[in-house]
Amino acid sequence: MRATLIMLMAAASVATAATPAHAIPSAPDLLSDAPKTVHVDPATGRILAVRSGASDRVSNRPICHDGDACYYAGRAPLANQGFYGAPGKYPGNWPVRSGYYTGQYTATFCWTKACGPKTGPRTEVWYGDGTQTVTGTSVTIH
């Protein structure tokens, strides 16, 4: 009986080793150009989940592209901050912001003392007369 148990255990370990750690049934093709979101274990690189479609997060970049929600830098050498992607909140710390633009989004911009109103696409907002600045703390795309 002990020999049978050892043989079964060995067969199970061979079957497990033959299955790639990253194989997920019915997952989108990782090499395709279709939008997908992949979650991996940072310790092993093993794929934890794969989902069709783009990321479900707001993203940020130190430049404003066409259509981005944009937090304006109040002076050089600071950069404008662009926000894009799925609805959600992106927290941060952006000093010396003179205003913002919602781009193609309905968005809410917050700073250390308050949050502006939820405003629709293609809305530009300035602090005071446009010469006052704040420290931005978050941008929410609705």
N, C-alpha and C. Protein backbone atom coordinates (compact mmCIF):
# COMPACT_ATOMS: atom_id res chain seq x y z
N MET A 1 0.82 -1.18 0.00
CA MET A 1 0.00 0.00 0.00
C MET A 1 0.87 1.26 0.00
N ARG A 2 1.97 1.22 0.79
CA ARG A 2 2.86 2.37 0.84
C ARG A 2 3.48 2.65 -0.52
N ALA A 3 3.86 1.63 -1.24
CA ALA A 3 4.44 1.79 -2.57
C ALA A 3 3.42 2.40 -3.53
N THR A 4 2.16 2.00 -3.42
CA THR A 4 1.11 2.55 -4.29
C THR A 4 0.92 4.04 -4.01
N LEU A 5 0.92 4.41 -2.72
CA LEU A 5 0.76 5.81 -2.34
C LEU A 5 1.92 6.65 -2.87
N ILE A 6 3.14 6.16 -2.77
CA ILE A 6 4.31 6.88 -3.27
C ILE A 6 4.21 7.04 -4.79
N MET A 7 3.77 6.00 -5.50
CA MET A 7 3.64 6.09 -6.95
C MET A 7 2.56 7.11 -7.33
N LEU A 8 1.46 7.14 -6.58
CA LEU A 8 0.40 8.12 -6.87
C LEU A 8 0.89 9.54 -6.63
N MET A 9 1.64 9.73 -5.54
CA MET A 9 2.17 11.06 -5.24
C MET A 9 3.15 11.49 -6.32
N ALA A 10 4.00 10.59 -6.78
CA ALA A 10 4.96 10.92 -7.83
C ALA A 10 4.24 11.27 -9.13
N ALA A 11 3.21 10.53 -9.48
CA ALA A 11 2.45 10.81 -10.70
C ALA A 11 1.78 12.17 -10.61
N ALA A 12 1.25 12.51 -9.43
CA ALA A 12 0.60 13.80 -9.25
C ALA A 12 1.60 14.94 -9.38
N SER A 13 2.82 14.78 -8.84
CA SER A 13 3.80 15.85 -8.94
C SER A 13 4.28 16.02 -10.38
N VAL A 14 4.37 14.93 -11.16
CA VAL A 14 4.76 15.03 -12.57
C VAL A 14 3.67 15.76 -13.35
N ALA A 15 2.39 15.43 -13.08
CA ALA A 15 1.28 16.08 -13.78
C ALA A 15 1.25 17.57 -13.45
N THR A 16 1.51 17.90 -12.18
CA THR A 16 1.52 19.31 -11.78
C THR A 16 2.67 20.05 -12.45
N ALA A 17 3.84 19.43 -12.52
CA ALA A 17 5.00 20.08 -13.12
C ALA A 17 4.79 20.28 -14.62
N ALA A 18 4.01 19.40 -15.25
CA ALA A 18 3.80 19.52 -16.69
C ALA A 18 2.85 20.67 -17.04
N THR A 19 2.06 21.12 -16.07
CA THR A 19 1.13 22.22 -16.32
C THR A 19 1.84 23.53 -16.00
N PRO A 20 1.99 24.45 -16.97
CA PRO A 20 2.68 25.71 -16.70
C PRO A 20 1.98 26.49 -15.57
N ALA A 21 2.79 27.13 -14.73
CA ALA A 21 2.25 27.89 -13.61
C ALA A 21 1.39 29.05 -14.08
N HIS A 22 1.61 29.52 -15.30
CA HIS A 22 0.87 30.68 -15.79
C HIS A 22 -0.37 30.31 -16.61
N ALA A 23 -0.65 29.02 -16.75
CA ALA A 23 -1.79 28.63 -17.57
C ALA A 23 -3.09 28.92 -16.82
N ILE A 24 -3.94 29.71 -17.45
CA ILE A 24 -5.25 30.02 -16.89
C ILE A 24 -6.27 29.69 -17.96
N PRO A 25 -7.19 28.76 -17.67
CA PRO A 25 -8.17 28.39 -18.68
C PRO A 25 -8.98 29.60 -19.14
N SER A 26 -9.29 29.65 -20.40
CA SER A 26 -10.11 30.68 -21.04
C SER A 26 -9.58 32.10 -20.87
N ALA A 27 -8.29 32.24 -20.62
CA ALA A 27 -7.68 33.57 -20.51
C ALA A 27 -7.42 34.12 -21.91
N PRO A 28 -7.47 35.45 -22.07
CA PRO A 28 -7.12 36.02 -23.38
C PRO A 28 -5.66 35.72 -23.72
N ASP A 29 -5.35 35.66 -24.98
CA ASP A 29 -3.99 35.40 -25.44
C ASP A 29 -3.08 36.54 -24.99
N LEU A 30 -2.06 36.23 -24.21
CA LEU A 30 -1.17 37.24 -23.66
C LEU A 30 -0.35 37.95 -24.73
N LEU A 31 -0.17 37.34 -25.89
CA LEU A 31 0.62 37.95 -26.96
C LEU A 31 -0.22 38.72 -27.96
N SER A 32 -1.54 38.66 -27.82
CA SER A 32 -2.40 39.38 -28.76
C SER A 32 -2.33 40.88 -28.47
N ASP A 33 -2.79 41.67 -29.45
CA ASP A 33 -2.82 43.12 -29.24
C ASP A 33 -4.16 43.58 -28.67
N ALA A 34 -5.02 42.64 -28.29
CA ALA A 34 -6.30 42.98 -27.66
C ALA A 34 -6.04 43.53 -26.26
N PRO A 35 -6.81 44.54 -25.82
CA PRO A 35 -6.62 45.07 -24.46
C PRO A 35 -6.86 43.98 -23.41
N LYS A 36 -5.99 43.94 -22.43
CA LYS A 36 -6.11 42.95 -21.36
C LYS A 36 -5.43 43.47 -20.11
N THR A 37 -5.85 42.96 -18.97
CA THR A 37 -5.23 43.31 -17.69
C THR A 37 -4.72 42.02 -17.07
N VAL A 38 -3.46 42.00 -16.67
CA VAL A 38 -2.84 40.81 -16.09
C VAL A 38 -2.35 41.15 -14.69
N HIS A 39 -2.63 40.27 -13.73
CA HIS A 39 -2.12 40.42 -12.37
C HIS A 39 -1.14 39.29 -12.12
N VAL A 40 0.08 39.62 -11.64
CA VAL A 40 1.09 38.61 -11.38
C VAL A 40 1.54 38.67 -9.92
N ASP A 41 1.99 37.52 -9.43
CA ASP A 41 2.56 37.44 -8.09
C ASP A 41 3.94 38.09 -8.15
N PRO A 42 4.20 39.15 -7.37
CA PRO A 42 5.49 39.83 -7.47
C PRO A 42 6.67 38.98 -7.01
N ALA A 43 6.43 37.98 -6.19
CA ALA A 43 7.52 37.14 -5.70
C ALA A 43 7.93 36.07 -6.71
N THR A 44 6.96 35.59 -7.51
CA THR A 44 7.26 34.47 -8.40
C THR A 44 7.08 34.78 -9.88
N GLY A 45 6.33 35.83 -10.20
CA GLY A 45 6.02 36.12 -11.58
C GLY A 45 4.86 35.29 -12.11
N ARG A 46 4.31 34.42 -11.28
CA ARG A 46 3.19 33.57 -11.67
C ARG A 46 1.96 34.42 -11.93
N ILE A 47 1.25 34.13 -13.01
CA ILE A 47 0.04 34.87 -13.34
C ILE A 47 -1.07 34.48 -12.38
N LEU A 48 -1.67 35.49 -11.76
CA LEU A 48 -2.76 35.27 -10.83
C LEU A 48 -4.12 35.41 -11.51
N ALA A 49 -4.22 36.34 -12.44
CA ALA A 49 -5.49 36.57 -13.13
C ALA A 49 -5.24 37.28 -14.45
N VAL A 50 -6.07 36.99 -15.43
CA VAL A 50 -6.03 37.67 -16.71
C VAL A 50 -7.48 38.01 -17.06
N ARG A 51 -7.68 39.27 -17.44
CA ARG A 51 -9.03 39.71 -17.76
C ARG A 51 -9.02 40.46 -19.08
N SER A 52 -10.01 40.21 -19.91
CA SER A 52 -10.14 40.95 -21.15
C SER A 52 -10.46 42.40 -20.83
N GLY A 53 -9.96 43.31 -21.64
CA GLY A 53 -10.24 44.73 -21.44
C GLY A 53 -9.07 45.44 -20.81
N ALA A 54 -9.10 46.76 -20.92
CA ALA A 54 -8.03 47.59 -20.39
C ALA A 54 -8.08 47.65 -18.88
N SER A 55 -7.05 48.21 -18.30
CA SER A 55 -6.95 48.36 -16.85
C SER A 55 -8.13 49.14 -16.32
N ASP A 56 -8.52 48.82 -15.10
CA ASP A 56 -9.65 49.50 -14.48
C ASP A 56 -9.17 50.62 -13.56
N ARG A 57 -8.08 51.25 -13.91
CA ARG A 57 -7.51 52.29 -13.07
C ARG A 57 -7.27 53.57 -13.84
N VAL A 58 -7.30 54.66 -13.10
CA VAL A 58 -6.87 55.94 -13.66
C VAL A 58 -5.35 55.89 -13.75
N SER A 59 -4.79 56.39 -14.83
CA SER A 59 -3.34 56.44 -14.98
C SER A 59 -2.89 57.89 -15.03
N ASN A 60 -1.62 58.11 -14.74
CA ASN A 60 -1.04 59.46 -14.67
C ASN A 60 0.26 59.48 -15.46
N ARG A 61 0.52 60.63 -16.12
CA ARG A 61 1.79 60.81 -16.82
C ARG A 61 2.19 62.28 -16.70
N PRO A 62 3.49 62.57 -16.77
CA PRO A 62 3.97 63.95 -16.58
C PRO A 62 3.89 64.81 -17.84
N ILE A 63 2.81 64.65 -18.57
CA ILE A 63 2.52 65.45 -19.75
C ILE A 63 1.04 65.27 -20.03
N CYS A 64 0.41 66.25 -20.62
CA CYS A 64 -1.01 66.15 -20.94
C CYS A 64 -1.19 65.89 -22.42
N HIS A 65 -1.70 64.72 -22.75
CA HIS A 65 -2.01 64.39 -24.13
C HIS A 65 -3.43 64.85 -24.45
N ASP A 66 -3.73 64.93 -25.73
CA ASP A 66 -5.06 65.32 -26.18
C ASP A 66 -6.11 64.42 -25.53
N GLY A 67 -7.11 65.00 -24.89
CA GLY A 67 -8.17 64.25 -24.24
C GLY A 67 -7.94 63.97 -22.77
N ASP A 68 -6.70 64.09 -22.28
CA ASP A 68 -6.41 63.85 -20.86
C ASP A 68 -7.05 64.92 -19.98
N ALA A 69 -7.42 64.52 -18.78
CA ALA A 69 -7.67 65.51 -17.73
C ALA A 69 -6.27 66.01 -17.36
N CYS A 70 -6.12 67.29 -17.08
CA CYS A 70 -4.79 67.86 -16.93
C CYS A 70 -4.72 68.80 -15.74
N TYR A 71 -3.75 68.56 -14.84
CA TYR A 71 -3.47 69.47 -13.72
C TYR A 71 -2.32 70.35 -14.17
N TYR A 72 -2.57 71.66 -14.30
CA TYR A 72 -1.57 72.58 -14.84
C TYR A 72 -0.50 72.93 -13.82
N ALA A 73 0.75 72.92 -14.27
CA ALA A 73 1.87 73.39 -13.44
C ALA A 73 1.83 74.91 -13.40
N GLY A 74 2.03 75.46 -12.22
CA GLY A 74 1.99 76.91 -12.06
C GLY A 74 3.26 77.61 -12.47
N ARG A 75 4.35 76.84 -12.64
CA ARG A 75 5.62 77.45 -13.06
C ARG A 75 6.60 76.35 -13.49
N ALA A 76 7.57 76.76 -14.29
CA ALA A 76 8.65 75.84 -14.71
C ALA A 76 9.61 75.68 -13.53
N PRO A 77 10.26 74.57 -13.38
CA PRO A 77 10.34 73.42 -14.29
C PRO A 77 9.30 72.33 -13.99
N LEU A 78 8.29 72.63 -13.22
CA LEU A 78 7.27 71.61 -12.92
C LEU A 78 6.51 71.23 -14.18
N ALA A 79 6.02 70.01 -14.21
CA ALA A 79 5.32 69.50 -15.40
C ALA A 79 3.82 69.47 -15.18
N ASN A 80 3.09 69.71 -16.26
CA ASN A 80 1.65 69.44 -16.22
C ASN A 80 1.48 67.94 -15.97
N GLN A 81 0.39 67.56 -15.33
CA GLN A 81 0.13 66.15 -15.04
C GLN A 81 -1.13 65.71 -15.78
N GLY A 82 -1.00 64.68 -16.63
CA GLY A 82 -2.11 64.16 -17.40
C GLY A 82 -2.72 62.94 -16.74
N PHE A 83 -4.05 62.82 -16.81
CA PHE A 83 -4.78 61.70 -16.21
C PHE A 83 -5.72 61.12 -17.26
N TYR A 84 -5.77 59.79 -17.32
CA TYR A 84 -6.56 59.13 -18.36
C TYR A 84 -6.92 57.73 -17.88
N GLY A 85 -7.87 57.12 -18.54
CA GLY A 85 -8.22 55.75 -18.23
C GLY A 85 -9.64 55.60 -17.70
N ALA A 86 -9.84 54.52 -16.98
CA ALA A 86 -11.16 54.17 -16.45
C ALA A 86 -11.52 55.07 -15.27
N PRO A 87 -12.80 55.16 -14.95
CA PRO A 87 -13.21 55.96 -13.79
C PRO A 87 -12.52 55.49 -12.51
N GLY A 88 -12.19 56.44 -11.68
CA GLY A 88 -11.55 56.15 -10.41
C GLY A 88 -10.82 57.38 -9.89
N LYS A 89 -10.19 57.22 -8.75
CA LYS A 89 -9.48 58.32 -8.09
C LYS A 89 -7.97 58.05 -8.12
N TYR A 90 -7.20 59.07 -8.47
CA TYR A 90 -5.74 58.98 -8.49
C TYR A 90 -5.19 59.97 -7.46
N PRO A 91 -4.69 59.48 -6.33
CA PRO A 91 -4.14 60.39 -5.32
C PRO A 91 -2.69 60.75 -5.64
N GLY A 92 -2.26 61.90 -5.13
CA GLY A 92 -0.88 62.30 -5.35
C GLY A 92 -0.56 63.58 -4.61
N ASN A 93 0.57 64.16 -4.96
CA ASN A 93 1.03 65.41 -4.35
C ASN A 93 1.71 66.21 -5.46
N TRP A 94 0.97 67.19 -5.98
CA TRP A 94 1.46 68.00 -7.08
C TRP A 94 1.49 69.45 -6.64
N PRO A 95 2.64 69.94 -6.19
CA PRO A 95 2.71 71.34 -5.73
C PRO A 95 2.62 72.33 -6.90
N VAL A 96 2.26 73.54 -6.56
CA VAL A 96 2.23 74.69 -7.49
C VAL A 96 1.36 74.39 -8.72
N ARG A 97 0.10 74.11 -8.49
CA ARG A 97 -0.87 73.90 -9.57
C ARG A 97 -1.68 75.19 -9.74
N SER A 98 -1.78 75.68 -10.95
CA SER A 98 -2.47 76.95 -11.20
C SER A 98 -3.91 76.75 -11.70
N GLY A 99 -4.25 75.55 -12.12
CA GLY A 99 -5.59 75.26 -12.61
C GLY A 99 -5.64 73.88 -13.22
N TYR A 100 -6.76 73.58 -13.86
CA TYR A 100 -6.91 72.26 -14.46
C TYR A 100 -7.88 72.29 -15.63
N TYR A 101 -7.85 71.19 -16.39
CA TYR A 101 -8.70 71.01 -17.56
C TYR A 101 -9.22 69.59 -17.50
N THR A 102 -10.51 69.38 -17.76
CA THR A 102 -11.09 68.04 -17.63
C THR A 102 -10.91 67.16 -18.86
N GLY A 103 -10.47 67.73 -19.98
CA GLY A 103 -10.26 66.92 -21.18
C GLY A 103 -11.55 66.27 -21.63
N GLN A 104 -11.49 64.99 -21.99
CA GLN A 104 -12.67 64.27 -22.47
C GLN A 104 -13.50 63.69 -21.33
N TYR A 105 -13.13 63.97 -20.09
CA TYR A 105 -13.76 63.35 -18.93
C TYR A 105 -14.63 64.30 -18.12
N THR A 106 -15.53 63.73 -17.34
CA THR A 106 -16.15 64.44 -16.23
C THR A 106 -15.22 64.15 -15.05
N ALA A 107 -14.76 65.18 -14.36
CA ALA A 107 -13.71 64.97 -13.36
C ALA A 107 -13.87 65.91 -12.16
N THR A 108 -13.23 65.51 -11.07
CA THR A 108 -13.14 66.32 -9.86
C THR A 108 -11.67 66.42 -9.48
N PHE A 109 -11.19 67.64 -9.26
CA PHE A 109 -9.81 67.88 -8.84
C PHE A 109 -9.83 68.36 -7.40
N CYS A 110 -8.92 67.81 -6.58
CA CYS A 110 -8.81 68.22 -5.18
C CYS A 110 -7.43 68.76 -4.89
N TRP A 111 -7.35 69.61 -3.88
CA TRP A 111 -6.09 70.17 -3.41
C TRP A 111 -6.13 70.18 -1.91
N THR A 112 -5.07 70.66 -1.25
CA THR A 112 -4.95 70.52 0.20
C THR A 112 -6.10 71.11 0.99
N LYS A 113 -6.74 72.16 0.50
CA LYS A 113 -7.79 72.83 1.29
C LYS A 113 -9.20 72.52 0.84
N ALA A 114 -9.40 71.96 -0.34
CA ALA A 114 -10.76 71.75 -0.85
C ALA A 114 -10.73 70.88 -2.10
N CYS A 115 -11.92 70.63 -2.61
CA CYS A 115 -12.10 69.99 -3.92
C CYS A 115 -12.97 70.90 -4.76
N GLY A 116 -12.68 70.97 -6.03
CA GLY A 116 -13.51 71.73 -6.94
C GLY A 116 -14.79 70.97 -7.23
N PRO A 117 -15.72 71.59 -7.93
CA PRO A 117 -16.95 70.89 -8.28
C PRO A 117 -16.69 69.83 -9.34
N LYS A 118 -17.53 68.83 -9.36
CA LYS A 118 -17.51 67.84 -10.43
C LYS A 118 -17.88 68.59 -11.71
N THR A 119 -16.99 68.56 -12.70
CA THR A 119 -17.23 69.33 -13.93
C THR A 119 -17.15 68.42 -15.15
N GLY A 120 -17.89 68.79 -16.17
CA GLY A 120 -17.99 67.99 -17.38
C GLY A 120 -16.80 68.15 -18.30
N PRO A 121 -16.81 67.40 -19.39
CA PRO A 121 -15.72 67.43 -20.36
C PRO A 121 -15.44 68.83 -20.90
N ARG A 122 -14.17 69.04 -21.25
CA ARG A 122 -13.68 70.27 -21.88
C ARG A 122 -13.94 71.52 -21.03
N THR A 123 -13.75 71.37 -19.72
CA THR A 123 -13.91 72.50 -18.80
C THR A 123 -12.54 72.89 -18.25
N GLU A 124 -12.22 74.17 -18.34
CA GLU A 124 -10.97 74.69 -17.80
C GLU A 124 -11.28 75.50 -16.55
N VAL A 125 -10.49 75.29 -15.49
CA VAL A 125 -10.68 75.97 -14.21
C VAL A 125 -9.35 76.57 -13.77
N TRP A 126 -9.39 77.83 -13.30
CA TRP A 126 -8.19 78.51 -12.80
C TRP A 126 -8.40 78.87 -11.33
N TYR A 127 -7.33 78.85 -10.56
CA TYR A 127 -7.41 79.25 -9.15
C TYR A 127 -7.31 80.77 -9.08
N GLY A 128 -8.32 81.37 -8.46
CA GLY A 128 -8.34 82.83 -8.36
C GLY A 128 -8.31 83.45 -9.75
N ASP A 129 -7.40 84.38 -9.95
CA ASP A 129 -7.29 85.06 -11.25
C ASP A 129 -6.31 84.35 -12.19
N GLY A 130 -5.91 83.14 -11.81
CA GLY A 130 -4.97 82.37 -12.62
C GLY A 130 -3.54 82.51 -12.17
N THR A 131 -3.28 83.36 -11.18
CA THR A 131 -1.92 83.51 -10.67
C THR A 131 -1.75 82.84 -9.31
N GLN A 132 -2.85 82.43 -8.69
CA GLN A 132 -2.77 81.73 -7.41
C GLN A 132 -2.50 80.25 -7.67
N THR A 133 -1.84 79.59 -6.72
CA THR A 133 -1.52 78.17 -6.89
C THR A 133 -1.92 77.38 -5.64
N VAL A 134 -2.08 76.09 -5.84
CA VAL A 134 -2.42 75.16 -4.76
C VAL A 134 -1.53 73.92 -4.90
N THR A 135 -1.58 73.05 -3.91
CA THR A 135 -0.96 71.74 -4.00
C THR A 135 -2.06 70.73 -4.28
N GLY A 136 -2.03 70.13 -5.45
CA GLY A 136 -3.04 69.13 -5.83
C GLY A 136 -2.86 67.86 -5.04
N THR A 137 -3.98 67.22 -4.67
CA THR A 137 -3.93 65.99 -3.87
C THR A 137 -4.61 64.80 -4.54
N SER A 138 -5.53 65.03 -5.48
CA SER A 138 -6.15 63.90 -6.18
C SER A 138 -6.92 64.39 -7.40
N VAL A 139 -7.12 63.46 -8.32
CA VAL A 139 -7.95 63.67 -9.49
C VAL A 139 -8.86 62.45 -9.60
N THR A 140 -10.16 62.71 -9.73
CA THR A 140 -11.13 61.63 -9.89
C THR A 140 -11.78 61.76 -11.27
N ILE A 141 -11.70 60.66 -12.02
CA ILE A 141 -12.41 60.58 -13.29
C ILE A 141 -13.71 59.83 -13.01
N HIS A 142 -14.82 60.47 -13.36
CA HIS A 142 -16.16 59.87 -13.08
C HIS A 142 -16.66 59.09 -14.28
